[in-house]
């Protein structure tokens, strides 16, 4: 009888052990889905892009996450809406960080359209991975786009974040935008030093999510 109990316990222990090894050792995925700001346009080293810097912070903190950089230069929210399905099928997503909208704003696209596309992207993520944690990176555009448009554009990001219970970074380029020394010659994309600040902006919110 004792032998049977030991055998059963051993089986249970093995099952529990197998479950444990499948869990903690397998890294969770953080998908950074965005445009050239995520891709790290203009940088000599991809390690200077802010998602790579976030990976460094994750590793330093001993957290079990893998960063996937799915930035695509020139991407609009409409393009992202069409591209997201392929990425969601490619790997499991545990944390989804959405950084899109800047190109919409620079092109003067209707803010209602941008807002709708951001929502569709989040809807697709939630449908595929209901347990995924959501993060939205807010964006602002230059004042020369017109006061009402600038204000309406800024507002949609918080509205979408609130509607989806997503963690929210109010302005991705806080402390970097408008500073010539922290941007490459186009005045839009950060330098490596600029991206270090961008990474800190994101990390302040993301670390609590993780």
N, C-alpha and C. Protein backbone atom coordinates (compact mmCIF):
# COMPACT_ATOMS: atom_id res chain seq x y z
N UNK A 1 0.84 -1.20 0.00
CA UNK A 1 0.00 0.00 0.00
C UNK A 1 0.88 1.25 0.00
N UNK A 2 1.93 1.18 0.82
CA UNK A 2 2.84 2.31 0.87
C UNK A 2 3.49 2.50 -0.49
N UNK A 3 3.83 1.35 -1.15
CA UNK A 3 4.46 1.42 -2.47
C UNK A 3 3.55 2.10 -3.46
N UNK A 4 2.23 1.75 -3.42
CA UNK A 4 1.29 2.36 -4.35
C UNK A 4 1.21 3.87 -4.12
N UNK A 5 1.15 4.23 -2.83
CA UNK A 5 1.07 5.66 -2.52
C UNK A 5 2.30 6.40 -3.04
N UNK A 6 3.48 5.78 -2.84
CA UNK A 6 4.71 6.42 -3.30
C UNK A 6 4.70 6.58 -4.82
N UNK A 7 4.19 5.54 -5.49
CA UNK A 7 4.19 5.59 -6.94
C UNK A 7 3.24 6.69 -7.43
N UNK A 8 2.07 6.76 -6.77
CA UNK A 8 1.11 7.79 -7.16
C UNK A 8 1.68 9.18 -6.90
N UNK A 9 2.30 9.30 -5.72
CA UNK A 9 2.86 10.60 -5.39
C UNK A 9 3.96 10.98 -6.38
N UNK A 10 4.75 9.95 -6.74
CA UNK A 10 5.82 10.20 -7.69
C UNK A 10 5.26 10.68 -9.02
N UNK A 11 4.16 10.04 -9.44
CA UNK A 11 3.53 10.44 -10.70
C UNK A 11 3.03 11.85 -10.63
N UNK A 12 2.40 12.18 -9.47
CA UNK A 12 1.88 13.53 -9.30
C UNK A 12 3.02 14.56 -9.30
N UNK A 13 4.11 14.16 -8.61
CA UNK A 13 5.24 15.06 -8.54
C UNK A 13 5.83 15.31 -9.91
N UNK A 14 5.90 14.20 -10.70
CA UNK A 14 6.44 14.33 -12.05
C UNK A 14 5.57 15.26 -12.89
N UNK A 15 4.24 15.10 -12.72
CA UNK A 15 3.32 15.94 -13.49
C UNK A 15 3.50 17.40 -13.10
N UNK A 16 3.61 17.62 -11.77
CA UNK A 16 3.79 18.98 -11.28
C UNK A 16 5.11 19.55 -11.77
N UNK A 17 6.14 18.66 -11.75
CA UNK A 17 7.46 19.09 -12.19
C UNK A 17 7.45 19.48 -13.66
N UNK A 18 6.74 18.64 -14.46
CA UNK A 18 6.66 18.92 -15.89
C UNK A 18 5.95 20.25 -16.15
N UNK A 19 4.89 20.48 -15.34
CA UNK A 19 4.15 21.73 -15.49
C UNK A 19 5.05 22.92 -15.18
N UNK A 20 5.82 22.78 -14.13
CA UNK A 20 6.66 23.89 -13.70
C UNK A 20 7.71 24.22 -14.76
N UNK A 21 8.34 23.16 -15.33
CA UNK A 21 9.40 23.43 -16.29
C UNK A 21 8.83 24.04 -17.56
N UNK A 22 7.57 23.75 -17.86
CA UNK A 22 6.97 24.32 -19.06
C UNK A 22 6.62 25.79 -18.85
N UNK A 23 6.51 26.19 -17.58
CA UNK A 23 6.08 27.55 -17.29
C UNK A 23 7.22 28.54 -17.12
N UNK A 24 7.95 28.44 -15.97
CA UNK A 24 8.91 29.50 -15.69
C UNK A 24 10.03 29.60 -16.71
N UNK A 25 10.42 28.47 -17.31
CA UNK A 25 11.58 28.49 -18.20
C UNK A 25 11.24 29.04 -19.57
N UNK A 26 9.98 29.03 -19.93
CA UNK A 26 9.59 29.52 -21.24
C UNK A 26 9.35 31.02 -21.17
N UNK A 27 10.11 31.75 -21.94
CA UNK A 27 9.98 33.22 -21.91
C UNK A 27 8.64 33.65 -22.50
N UNK A 28 8.07 34.68 -21.90
CA UNK A 28 6.86 35.27 -22.44
C UNK A 28 7.24 36.32 -23.48
N UNK A 29 6.37 36.52 -24.44
CA UNK A 29 6.67 37.43 -25.54
C UNK A 29 6.04 38.81 -25.35
N UNK A 30 6.84 39.84 -25.58
CA UNK A 30 6.34 41.21 -25.64
C UNK A 30 6.47 41.66 -27.09
N UNK A 31 5.35 41.91 -27.74
CA UNK A 31 5.37 42.33 -29.13
C UNK A 31 5.25 43.86 -29.21
N UNK A 32 6.30 44.50 -29.72
CA UNK A 32 6.28 45.93 -29.97
C UNK A 32 5.85 46.14 -31.41
N UNK A 33 4.66 46.67 -31.59
CA UNK A 33 4.06 46.80 -32.92
C UNK A 33 3.96 48.28 -33.27
N UNK A 34 4.77 48.72 -34.24
CA UNK A 34 4.79 50.15 -34.53
C UNK A 34 5.39 50.49 -35.88
N UNK A 35 5.82 51.74 -35.99
CA UNK A 35 6.38 52.25 -37.24
C UNK A 35 7.89 52.42 -37.11
N UNK A 36 8.44 53.43 -37.80
CA UNK A 36 9.89 53.64 -37.80
C UNK A 36 10.43 53.98 -36.42
N UNK A 37 9.60 54.55 -35.55
CA UNK A 37 10.05 54.87 -34.19
C UNK A 37 10.35 53.59 -33.41
N UNK A 38 9.58 52.55 -33.67
CA UNK A 38 9.84 51.24 -33.05
C UNK A 38 10.98 50.52 -33.77
N UNK A 39 10.98 50.62 -35.10
CA UNK A 39 12.00 49.93 -35.90
C UNK A 39 13.40 50.49 -35.65
N UNK A 40 13.47 51.78 -35.24
CA UNK A 40 14.78 52.39 -35.00
C UNK A 40 15.39 52.99 -36.25
N UNK A 41 14.54 53.60 -37.05
CA UNK A 41 15.00 54.21 -38.31
C UNK A 41 16.13 55.21 -38.08
N UNK A 42 17.16 55.12 -38.93
CA UNK A 42 18.26 56.07 -38.87
C UNK A 42 19.38 55.70 -37.92
N UNK A 43 19.22 54.64 -37.17
CA UNK A 43 20.25 54.22 -36.23
C UNK A 43 21.26 53.30 -36.91
N UNK A 44 22.51 53.40 -36.49
CA UNK A 44 23.54 52.51 -37.04
C UNK A 44 23.43 51.11 -36.45
N UNK A 45 23.01 51.03 -35.21
CA UNK A 45 22.90 49.75 -34.52
C UNK A 45 21.45 49.51 -34.07
N UNK A 46 20.89 48.35 -34.40
CA UNK A 46 19.52 48.04 -33.97
C UNK A 46 19.42 47.94 -32.46
N UNK A 47 20.55 47.72 -31.80
CA UNK A 47 20.57 47.62 -30.33
C UNK A 47 20.27 48.95 -29.67
N UNK A 48 20.28 50.05 -30.46
CA UNK A 48 19.99 51.37 -29.90
C UNK A 48 18.50 51.70 -29.95
N UNK A 49 17.73 50.93 -30.71
CA UNK A 49 16.27 51.16 -30.79
C UNK A 49 15.66 50.91 -29.42
N UNK A 50 14.55 51.58 -29.13
CA UNK A 50 14.04 51.49 -27.76
C UNK A 50 13.56 50.10 -27.36
N UNK A 51 13.00 49.26 -28.27
CA UNK A 51 12.63 47.91 -27.83
C UNK A 51 13.85 47.10 -27.36
N UNK A 52 14.99 47.27 -28.05
CA UNK A 52 16.21 46.56 -27.64
C UNK A 52 16.68 47.05 -26.28
N UNK A 53 16.54 48.32 -26.04
CA UNK A 53 16.91 48.88 -24.73
C UNK A 53 15.97 48.39 -23.63
N UNK A 54 14.72 48.18 -23.99
CA UNK A 54 13.77 47.61 -23.04
C UNK A 54 14.17 46.18 -22.69
N UNK A 55 14.63 45.42 -23.70
CA UNK A 55 15.10 44.05 -23.42
C UNK A 55 16.24 44.07 -22.42
N UNK A 56 17.15 45.03 -22.55
CA UNK A 56 18.25 45.15 -21.60
C UNK A 56 17.74 45.40 -20.18
N UNK A 57 16.73 46.24 -20.06
CA UNK A 57 16.16 46.54 -18.75
C UNK A 57 15.46 45.31 -18.17
N UNK A 58 14.79 44.57 -19.03
CA UNK A 58 14.11 43.34 -18.62
C UNK A 58 15.12 42.33 -18.09
N UNK A 59 16.20 42.16 -18.86
CA UNK A 59 17.24 41.20 -18.45
C UNK A 59 17.90 41.63 -17.14
N UNK A 60 18.14 42.91 -17.00
CA UNK A 60 18.77 43.42 -15.76
C UNK A 60 17.87 43.19 -14.56
N UNK A 61 16.54 43.25 -14.80
CA UNK A 61 15.58 43.06 -13.71
C UNK A 61 15.31 41.57 -13.46
N UNK A 62 15.88 40.71 -14.29
CA UNK A 62 15.69 39.27 -14.11
C UNK A 62 14.30 38.79 -14.47
N UNK A 63 13.64 39.52 -15.36
CA UNK A 63 12.28 39.15 -15.78
C UNK A 63 12.34 38.23 -17.00
N UNK A 64 11.36 37.33 -17.07
CA UNK A 64 11.39 36.26 -18.07
C UNK A 64 10.58 36.63 -19.32
N UNK A 65 11.04 37.68 -20.02
CA UNK A 65 10.32 38.13 -21.20
C UNK A 65 11.28 38.29 -22.38
N UNK A 66 10.74 38.03 -23.57
CA UNK A 66 11.48 38.21 -24.81
C UNK A 66 10.82 39.32 -25.61
N UNK A 67 11.59 40.32 -26.00
CA UNK A 67 11.07 41.44 -26.81
C UNK A 67 11.11 41.08 -28.29
N UNK A 68 10.01 41.31 -28.97
CA UNK A 68 9.94 41.13 -30.42
C UNK A 68 9.68 42.50 -31.04
N UNK A 69 10.60 42.96 -31.87
CA UNK A 69 10.46 44.27 -32.50
C UNK A 69 9.77 44.09 -33.85
N UNK A 70 8.50 44.52 -33.92
CA UNK A 70 7.73 44.43 -35.16
C UNK A 70 7.45 45.83 -35.70
N UNK A 71 8.48 46.68 -35.66
CA UNK A 71 8.35 48.03 -36.21
C UNK A 71 8.56 48.01 -37.71
N UNK A 72 7.78 48.78 -38.42
CA UNK A 72 7.88 48.87 -39.88
C UNK A 72 7.83 50.35 -40.29
N UNK A 73 8.91 50.83 -40.87
CA UNK A 73 8.98 52.24 -41.26
C UNK A 73 7.86 52.61 -42.23
N UNK A 74 7.26 53.77 -41.98
CA UNK A 74 6.19 54.26 -42.83
C UNK A 74 4.81 53.74 -42.50
N UNK A 75 4.72 52.85 -41.52
CA UNK A 75 3.43 52.22 -41.20
C UNK A 75 2.41 53.24 -40.67
N UNK A 76 1.20 53.15 -41.18
CA UNK A 76 0.06 53.90 -40.65
C UNK A 76 -0.80 52.94 -39.83
N UNK A 77 -1.80 53.48 -39.16
CA UNK A 77 -2.69 52.59 -38.42
C UNK A 77 -3.46 51.67 -39.37
N UNK A 78 -3.77 52.17 -40.58
CA UNK A 78 -4.47 51.33 -41.56
C UNK A 78 -3.58 50.18 -41.99
N UNK A 79 -2.29 50.47 -42.22
CA UNK A 79 -1.36 49.40 -42.58
C UNK A 79 -1.20 48.41 -41.45
N UNK A 80 -1.13 48.92 -40.22
CA UNK A 80 -0.99 48.05 -39.06
C UNK A 80 -2.19 47.14 -38.88
N UNK A 81 -3.36 47.68 -39.15
CA UNK A 81 -4.59 46.90 -39.05
C UNK A 81 -4.55 45.70 -39.99
N UNK A 82 -3.95 45.87 -41.15
CA UNK A 82 -3.86 44.79 -42.12
C UNK A 82 -2.71 43.83 -41.85
N UNK A 83 -1.68 44.31 -41.16
CA UNK A 83 -0.47 43.50 -40.92
C UNK A 83 -0.55 42.67 -39.65
N UNK A 84 -1.38 43.07 -38.70
CA UNK A 84 -1.33 42.47 -37.37
C UNK A 84 -1.68 40.99 -37.35
N UNK A 85 -2.60 40.55 -38.19
CA UNK A 85 -3.04 39.15 -38.17
C UNK A 85 -1.87 38.19 -38.38
N UNK A 86 -1.02 38.53 -39.34
CA UNK A 86 0.12 37.66 -39.66
C UNK A 86 1.04 37.52 -38.45
N UNK A 87 1.27 38.61 -37.74
CA UNK A 87 2.15 38.58 -36.58
C UNK A 87 1.54 37.80 -35.43
N UNK A 88 0.24 37.93 -35.25
CA UNK A 88 -0.44 37.22 -34.16
C UNK A 88 -0.42 35.70 -34.41
N UNK A 89 -0.43 35.31 -35.67
CA UNK A 89 -0.37 33.88 -36.01
C UNK A 89 1.04 33.34 -35.86
N UNK A 90 2.01 34.21 -35.93
CA UNK A 90 3.41 33.78 -35.94
C UNK A 90 3.92 33.35 -34.58
N UNK A 91 3.48 33.99 -33.52
CA UNK A 91 3.91 33.65 -32.16
C UNK A 91 2.88 34.10 -31.14
N UNK A 92 2.91 33.45 -29.99
CA UNK A 92 2.03 33.83 -28.90
C UNK A 92 2.43 35.22 -28.41
N UNK A 93 1.44 36.00 -28.03
CA UNK A 93 1.70 37.34 -27.52
C UNK A 93 1.17 37.45 -26.09
N UNK A 94 2.07 37.75 -25.15
CA UNK A 94 1.69 37.89 -23.75
C UNK A 94 1.51 39.36 -23.35
N UNK A 95 2.31 40.22 -23.96
CA UNK A 95 2.18 41.66 -23.76
C UNK A 95 2.25 42.32 -25.13
N UNK A 96 1.29 43.18 -25.41
CA UNK A 96 1.22 43.83 -26.72
C UNK A 96 1.38 45.33 -26.54
N UNK A 97 2.44 45.89 -27.14
CA UNK A 97 2.73 47.31 -27.02
C UNK A 97 2.47 47.95 -28.39
N UNK A 98 1.50 48.84 -28.45
CA UNK A 98 1.07 49.44 -29.71
C UNK A 98 1.62 50.86 -29.85
N UNK A 99 2.39 51.08 -30.91
CA UNK A 99 2.97 52.39 -31.20
C UNK A 99 2.68 52.72 -32.67
N UNK A 100 1.51 53.24 -32.91
CA UNK A 100 1.15 53.66 -34.27
C UNK A 100 0.31 54.94 -34.20
N UNK A 101 0.31 55.67 -35.30
CA UNK A 101 -0.50 56.87 -35.37
C UNK A 101 0.27 58.10 -35.81
N UNK A 102 1.58 58.10 -35.57
CA UNK A 102 2.39 59.28 -35.93
C UNK A 102 2.29 59.60 -37.41
N UNK A 103 2.37 58.57 -38.25
CA UNK A 103 2.31 58.81 -39.69
C UNK A 103 0.92 59.26 -40.13
N UNK A 104 -0.10 58.79 -39.43
CA UNK A 104 -1.46 59.29 -39.71
C UNK A 104 -1.51 60.80 -39.46
N UNK A 105 -0.96 61.21 -38.31
CA UNK A 105 -1.00 62.61 -37.93
C UNK A 105 -0.22 63.50 -38.86
N UNK A 106 0.97 63.04 -39.26
CA UNK A 106 1.79 63.84 -40.15
C UNK A 106 1.16 63.98 -41.54
N UNK A 107 0.31 63.02 -41.89
CA UNK A 107 -0.39 63.09 -43.18
C UNK A 107 -1.74 63.80 -43.07
N UNK A 108 -2.11 64.16 -41.85
CA UNK A 108 -3.37 64.87 -41.65
C UNK A 108 -4.59 64.00 -41.85
N UNK A 109 -4.45 62.69 -41.63
CA UNK A 109 -5.60 61.78 -41.79
C UNK A 109 -6.62 62.05 -40.69
N UNK A 110 -7.89 61.80 -40.95
CA UNK A 110 -8.93 62.06 -39.94
C UNK A 110 -8.65 61.31 -38.64
N UNK A 111 -8.77 62.02 -37.52
CA UNK A 111 -8.48 61.37 -36.24
C UNK A 111 -9.48 60.26 -35.93
N UNK A 112 -10.70 60.38 -36.44
CA UNK A 112 -11.70 59.32 -36.22
C UNK A 112 -11.25 58.02 -36.87
N UNK A 113 -10.59 58.15 -38.02
CA UNK A 113 -10.09 56.96 -38.72
C UNK A 113 -8.93 56.33 -37.96
N UNK A 114 -8.02 57.18 -37.47
CA UNK A 114 -6.89 56.68 -36.68
C UNK A 114 -7.39 55.97 -35.42
N UNK A 115 -8.32 56.59 -34.75
CA UNK A 115 -8.87 56.00 -33.52
C UNK A 115 -9.53 54.65 -33.82
N UNK A 116 -10.29 54.59 -34.89
CA UNK A 116 -10.97 53.34 -35.25
C UNK A 116 -9.96 52.23 -35.57
N UNK A 117 -8.90 52.58 -36.28
CA UNK A 117 -7.89 51.58 -36.64
C UNK A 117 -7.14 51.07 -35.41
N UNK A 118 -6.81 51.96 -34.48
CA UNK A 118 -6.16 51.54 -33.24
C UNK A 118 -7.05 50.56 -32.48
N UNK A 119 -8.35 50.85 -32.45
CA UNK A 119 -9.28 49.97 -31.76
C UNK A 119 -9.37 48.60 -32.44
N UNK A 120 -9.39 48.60 -33.77
CA UNK A 120 -9.45 47.33 -34.50
C UNK A 120 -8.22 46.48 -34.21
N UNK A 121 -7.05 47.12 -34.14
CA UNK A 121 -5.83 46.38 -33.83
C UNK A 121 -5.92 45.75 -32.45
N UNK A 122 -6.34 46.52 -31.46
CA UNK A 122 -6.50 45.97 -30.11
C UNK A 122 -7.56 44.85 -30.11
N UNK A 123 -8.64 45.03 -30.85
CA UNK A 123 -9.69 44.00 -30.91
C UNK A 123 -9.13 42.69 -31.44
N UNK A 124 -8.29 42.77 -32.44
CA UNK A 124 -7.71 41.56 -33.04
C UNK A 124 -6.79 40.86 -32.05
N UNK A 125 -6.01 41.65 -31.31
CA UNK A 125 -5.13 41.06 -30.30
C UNK A 125 -5.94 40.38 -29.20
N UNK A 126 -6.98 41.05 -28.73
CA UNK A 126 -7.81 40.49 -27.65
C UNK A 126 -8.55 39.24 -28.10
N UNK A 127 -8.95 39.22 -29.36
CA UNK A 127 -9.67 38.05 -29.87
C UNK A 127 -8.74 36.83 -29.94
N UNK A 128 -7.50 37.07 -30.32
CA UNK A 128 -6.53 35.97 -30.47
C UNK A 128 -5.92 35.57 -29.13
N UNK A 129 -5.60 36.56 -28.30
CA UNK A 129 -4.96 36.30 -27.01
C UNK A 129 -5.67 37.11 -25.92
N UNK A 130 -6.79 36.61 -25.42
CA UNK A 130 -7.60 37.35 -24.44
C UNK A 130 -6.85 37.71 -23.16
N UNK A 131 -5.83 36.94 -22.83
CA UNK A 131 -5.09 37.20 -21.59
C UNK A 131 -3.94 38.18 -21.78
N UNK A 132 -3.68 38.58 -23.00
CA UNK A 132 -2.55 39.48 -23.26
C UNK A 132 -2.75 40.83 -22.57
N UNK A 133 -1.68 41.36 -22.03
CA UNK A 133 -1.73 42.69 -21.43
C UNK A 133 -1.44 43.72 -22.52
N UNK A 134 -2.17 44.82 -22.48
CA UNK A 134 -2.09 45.83 -23.54
C UNK A 134 -1.42 47.11 -23.04
N UNK A 135 -0.59 47.67 -23.91
CA UNK A 135 0.07 48.94 -23.62
C UNK A 135 -0.06 49.82 -24.86
N UNK A 136 -0.44 51.08 -24.67
CA UNK A 136 -0.54 52.02 -25.79
C UNK A 136 0.44 53.17 -25.57
N UNK A 137 1.22 53.45 -26.61
CA UNK A 137 2.18 54.54 -26.55
C UNK A 137 1.58 55.76 -27.25
N UNK A 138 1.32 56.81 -26.49
CA UNK A 138 0.70 58.01 -27.03
C UNK A 138 1.64 58.81 -27.90
N UNK A 139 1.06 59.56 -28.81
CA UNK A 139 1.84 60.36 -29.74
C UNK A 139 1.24 61.77 -29.86
N UNK A 140 2.10 62.73 -30.15
CA UNK A 140 1.67 64.09 -30.42
C UNK A 140 2.30 64.53 -31.73
N UNK A 141 1.69 65.54 -32.36
CA UNK A 141 2.21 66.02 -33.64
C UNK A 141 2.51 67.51 -33.54
N UNK A 142 3.32 68.03 -34.47
CA UNK A 142 3.72 69.44 -34.41
C UNK A 142 2.53 70.39 -34.50
N UNK A 143 2.65 71.57 -33.86
CA UNK A 143 1.54 72.53 -33.83
C UNK A 143 1.15 73.06 -35.21
N UNK A 144 2.04 72.93 -36.20
CA UNK A 144 1.71 73.47 -37.52
C UNK A 144 0.60 72.69 -38.22
N UNK A 145 0.14 71.61 -37.60
CA UNK A 145 -0.98 70.84 -38.17
C UNK A 145 -2.32 71.49 -37.81
N UNK A 146 -2.27 72.53 -36.96
CA UNK A 146 -3.51 73.22 -36.58
C UNK A 146 -3.96 72.83 -35.19
N UNK A 147 -4.34 73.82 -34.40
CA UNK A 147 -4.66 73.60 -32.99
C UNK A 147 -5.69 72.54 -32.71
N UNK A 148 -6.83 72.59 -33.41
CA UNK A 148 -7.89 71.62 -33.15
C UNK A 148 -7.45 70.21 -33.51
N UNK A 149 -6.80 70.08 -34.65
CA UNK A 149 -6.35 68.75 -35.08
C UNK A 149 -5.32 68.19 -34.09
N UNK A 150 -4.39 69.05 -33.67
CA UNK A 150 -3.36 68.62 -32.72
C UNK A 150 -3.99 68.13 -31.42
N UNK A 151 -4.96 68.87 -30.90
CA UNK A 151 -5.61 68.49 -29.64
C UNK A 151 -6.46 67.23 -29.79
N UNK A 152 -7.20 67.15 -30.89
CA UNK A 152 -8.03 65.97 -31.14
C UNK A 152 -7.17 64.73 -31.31
N UNK A 153 -6.06 64.90 -32.00
CA UNK A 153 -5.14 63.77 -32.24
C UNK A 153 -4.57 63.26 -30.92
N UNK A 154 -4.11 64.19 -30.08
CA UNK A 154 -3.55 63.80 -28.79
C UNK A 154 -4.58 63.04 -27.95
N UNK A 155 -5.83 63.48 -28.00
CA UNK A 155 -6.87 62.93 -27.14
C UNK A 155 -7.24 61.49 -27.47
N UNK A 156 -7.15 61.11 -28.73
CA UNK A 156 -7.63 59.77 -29.09
C UNK A 156 -6.83 58.65 -28.43
N UNK A 157 -5.57 58.90 -28.14
CA UNK A 157 -4.74 57.85 -27.56
C UNK A 157 -5.20 57.50 -26.14
N UNK A 158 -5.46 58.53 -25.34
CA UNK A 158 -5.97 58.23 -23.99
C UNK A 158 -7.35 57.60 -24.07
N UNK A 159 -8.17 58.04 -24.99
CA UNK A 159 -9.51 57.46 -25.15
C UNK A 159 -9.43 55.97 -25.48
N UNK A 160 -8.54 55.61 -26.39
CA UNK A 160 -8.39 54.20 -26.77
C UNK A 160 -7.80 53.40 -25.62
N UNK A 161 -6.82 53.97 -24.92
CA UNK A 161 -6.22 53.28 -23.78
C UNK A 161 -7.27 53.01 -22.71
N UNK A 162 -8.08 54.02 -22.38
CA UNK A 162 -9.11 53.86 -21.36
C UNK A 162 -10.15 52.83 -21.78
N UNK A 163 -10.54 52.86 -23.05
CA UNK A 163 -11.58 51.94 -23.53
C UNK A 163 -11.13 50.49 -23.49
N UNK A 164 -9.81 50.27 -23.52
CA UNK A 164 -9.30 48.89 -23.55
C UNK A 164 -8.56 48.50 -22.28
N UNK A 165 -8.65 49.35 -21.26
CA UNK A 165 -7.94 49.09 -20.00
C UNK A 165 -6.46 48.82 -20.25
N UNK A 166 -5.90 49.61 -21.15
CA UNK A 166 -4.50 49.44 -21.52
C UNK A 166 -3.62 50.38 -20.70
N UNK A 167 -2.43 49.91 -20.34
CA UNK A 167 -1.45 50.80 -19.72
C UNK A 167 -1.09 51.87 -20.75
N UNK A 168 -0.79 53.08 -20.28
CA UNK A 168 -0.69 54.19 -21.22
C UNK A 168 0.54 55.05 -20.96
N UNK A 169 1.32 55.27 -22.02
CA UNK A 169 2.42 56.23 -22.01
C UNK A 169 1.91 57.47 -22.75
N UNK A 170 1.68 58.59 -22.07
CA UNK A 170 1.03 59.75 -22.70
C UNK A 170 1.72 60.27 -23.97
N UNK A 171 3.06 60.35 -23.94
CA UNK A 171 3.78 60.84 -25.11
C UNK A 171 5.11 60.11 -25.21
N UNK A 172 5.23 59.26 -26.22
CA UNK A 172 6.42 58.43 -26.39
C UNK A 172 7.70 59.26 -26.44
N UNK A 173 7.65 60.40 -27.12
CA UNK A 173 8.86 61.20 -27.36
C UNK A 173 9.04 62.33 -26.35
N UNK A 174 8.43 62.19 -25.19
CA UNK A 174 8.58 63.19 -24.13
C UNK A 174 10.06 63.41 -23.82
N UNK A 175 10.49 64.67 -23.83
CA UNK A 175 11.88 64.98 -23.53
C UNK A 175 12.82 64.84 -24.71
N UNK A 176 12.29 64.40 -25.84
CA UNK A 176 13.12 64.17 -27.04
C UNK A 176 12.64 65.02 -28.22
N UNK A 177 11.34 65.05 -28.44
CA UNK A 177 10.77 65.80 -29.56
C UNK A 177 11.17 67.27 -29.49
N UNK A 178 11.60 67.81 -30.61
CA UNK A 178 11.95 69.22 -30.67
C UNK A 178 13.36 69.54 -30.21
N UNK A 179 14.08 68.55 -29.71
CA UNK A 179 15.46 68.75 -29.27
C UNK A 179 16.41 68.27 -30.36
N UNK A 180 17.02 69.21 -31.08
CA UNK A 180 17.84 68.86 -32.25
C UNK A 180 18.98 67.91 -31.89
N UNK A 181 19.55 68.05 -30.70
CA UNK A 181 20.69 67.21 -30.31
C UNK A 181 20.29 65.76 -30.05
N UNK A 182 18.98 65.52 -29.87
CA UNK A 182 18.51 64.16 -29.57
C UNK A 182 17.80 63.50 -30.76
N UNK A 183 17.84 64.19 -31.91
CA UNK A 183 17.20 63.65 -33.11
C UNK A 183 18.18 63.66 -34.28
N UNK A 184 17.97 62.74 -35.22
CA UNK A 184 18.80 62.73 -36.41
C UNK A 184 18.42 63.92 -37.29
N UNK A 185 19.04 64.06 -38.44
CA UNK A 185 18.90 65.28 -39.25
C UNK A 185 17.47 65.57 -39.68
N UNK A 186 16.62 64.54 -39.78
CA UNK A 186 15.24 64.80 -40.21
C UNK A 186 14.41 65.47 -39.13
N UNK A 187 14.93 65.54 -37.91
CA UNK A 187 14.23 66.20 -36.83
C UNK A 187 13.04 65.44 -36.28
N UNK A 188 12.83 64.23 -36.76
CA UNK A 188 11.66 63.42 -36.37
C UNK A 188 12.07 62.18 -35.59
N UNK A 189 13.14 61.53 -36.03
CA UNK A 189 13.55 60.26 -35.42
C UNK A 189 14.70 60.48 -34.44
N UNK A 190 14.62 59.88 -33.27
CA UNK A 190 15.66 60.07 -32.25
C UNK A 190 17.02 59.48 -32.64
N UNK A 191 18.05 60.03 -32.04
CA UNK A 191 19.39 59.44 -32.09
C UNK A 191 19.44 58.31 -31.05
N UNK A 192 20.57 57.64 -30.98
CA UNK A 192 20.73 56.62 -29.95
C UNK A 192 20.51 57.18 -28.56
N UNK A 193 21.04 58.38 -28.33
CA UNK A 193 20.87 59.04 -27.03
C UNK A 193 19.40 59.37 -26.79
N UNK A 194 18.74 59.80 -27.86
CA UNK A 194 17.31 60.10 -27.75
C UNK A 194 16.50 58.87 -27.41
N UNK A 195 16.87 57.76 -28.03
CA UNK A 195 16.14 56.51 -27.78
C UNK A 195 16.33 56.00 -26.36
N UNK A 196 17.45 56.36 -25.74
CA UNK A 196 17.65 55.98 -24.33
C UNK A 196 16.59 56.65 -23.47
N UNK A 197 16.25 57.90 -23.80
CA UNK A 197 15.20 58.62 -23.07
C UNK A 197 13.83 58.02 -23.39
N UNK A 198 13.61 57.70 -24.67
CA UNK A 198 12.35 57.07 -25.07
C UNK A 198 12.15 55.76 -24.32
N UNK A 199 13.20 54.96 -24.23
CA UNK A 199 13.11 53.68 -23.51
C UNK A 199 12.72 53.90 -22.05
N UNK A 200 13.27 54.94 -21.44
CA UNK A 200 12.92 55.24 -20.05
C UNK A 200 11.45 55.66 -19.94
N UNK A 201 10.96 56.43 -20.92
CA UNK A 201 9.54 56.82 -20.93
C UNK A 201 8.64 55.59 -20.93
N UNK A 202 9.00 54.61 -21.75
CA UNK A 202 8.20 53.39 -21.87
C UNK A 202 8.36 52.51 -20.62
N UNK A 203 9.57 52.40 -20.14
CA UNK A 203 9.85 51.50 -19.03
C UNK A 203 9.13 51.91 -17.75
N UNK A 204 8.97 53.22 -17.55
CA UNK A 204 8.28 53.70 -16.35
C UNK A 204 6.88 53.09 -16.25
N UNK A 205 6.24 52.85 -17.37
CA UNK A 205 4.89 52.27 -17.39
C UNK A 205 4.96 50.75 -17.54
N UNK A 206 5.82 50.28 -18.43
CA UNK A 206 5.86 48.86 -18.76
C UNK A 206 6.32 47.99 -17.59
N UNK A 207 7.23 48.50 -16.76
CA UNK A 207 7.76 47.67 -15.66
C UNK A 207 6.64 47.24 -14.72
N UNK A 208 5.64 48.08 -14.53
CA UNK A 208 4.52 47.72 -13.65
C UNK A 208 3.61 46.68 -14.33
N UNK A 209 3.54 46.73 -15.64
CA UNK A 209 2.75 45.74 -16.39
C UNK A 209 3.39 44.36 -16.27
N UNK A 210 4.72 44.32 -16.31
CA UNK A 210 5.43 43.05 -16.25
C UNK A 210 5.52 42.49 -14.85
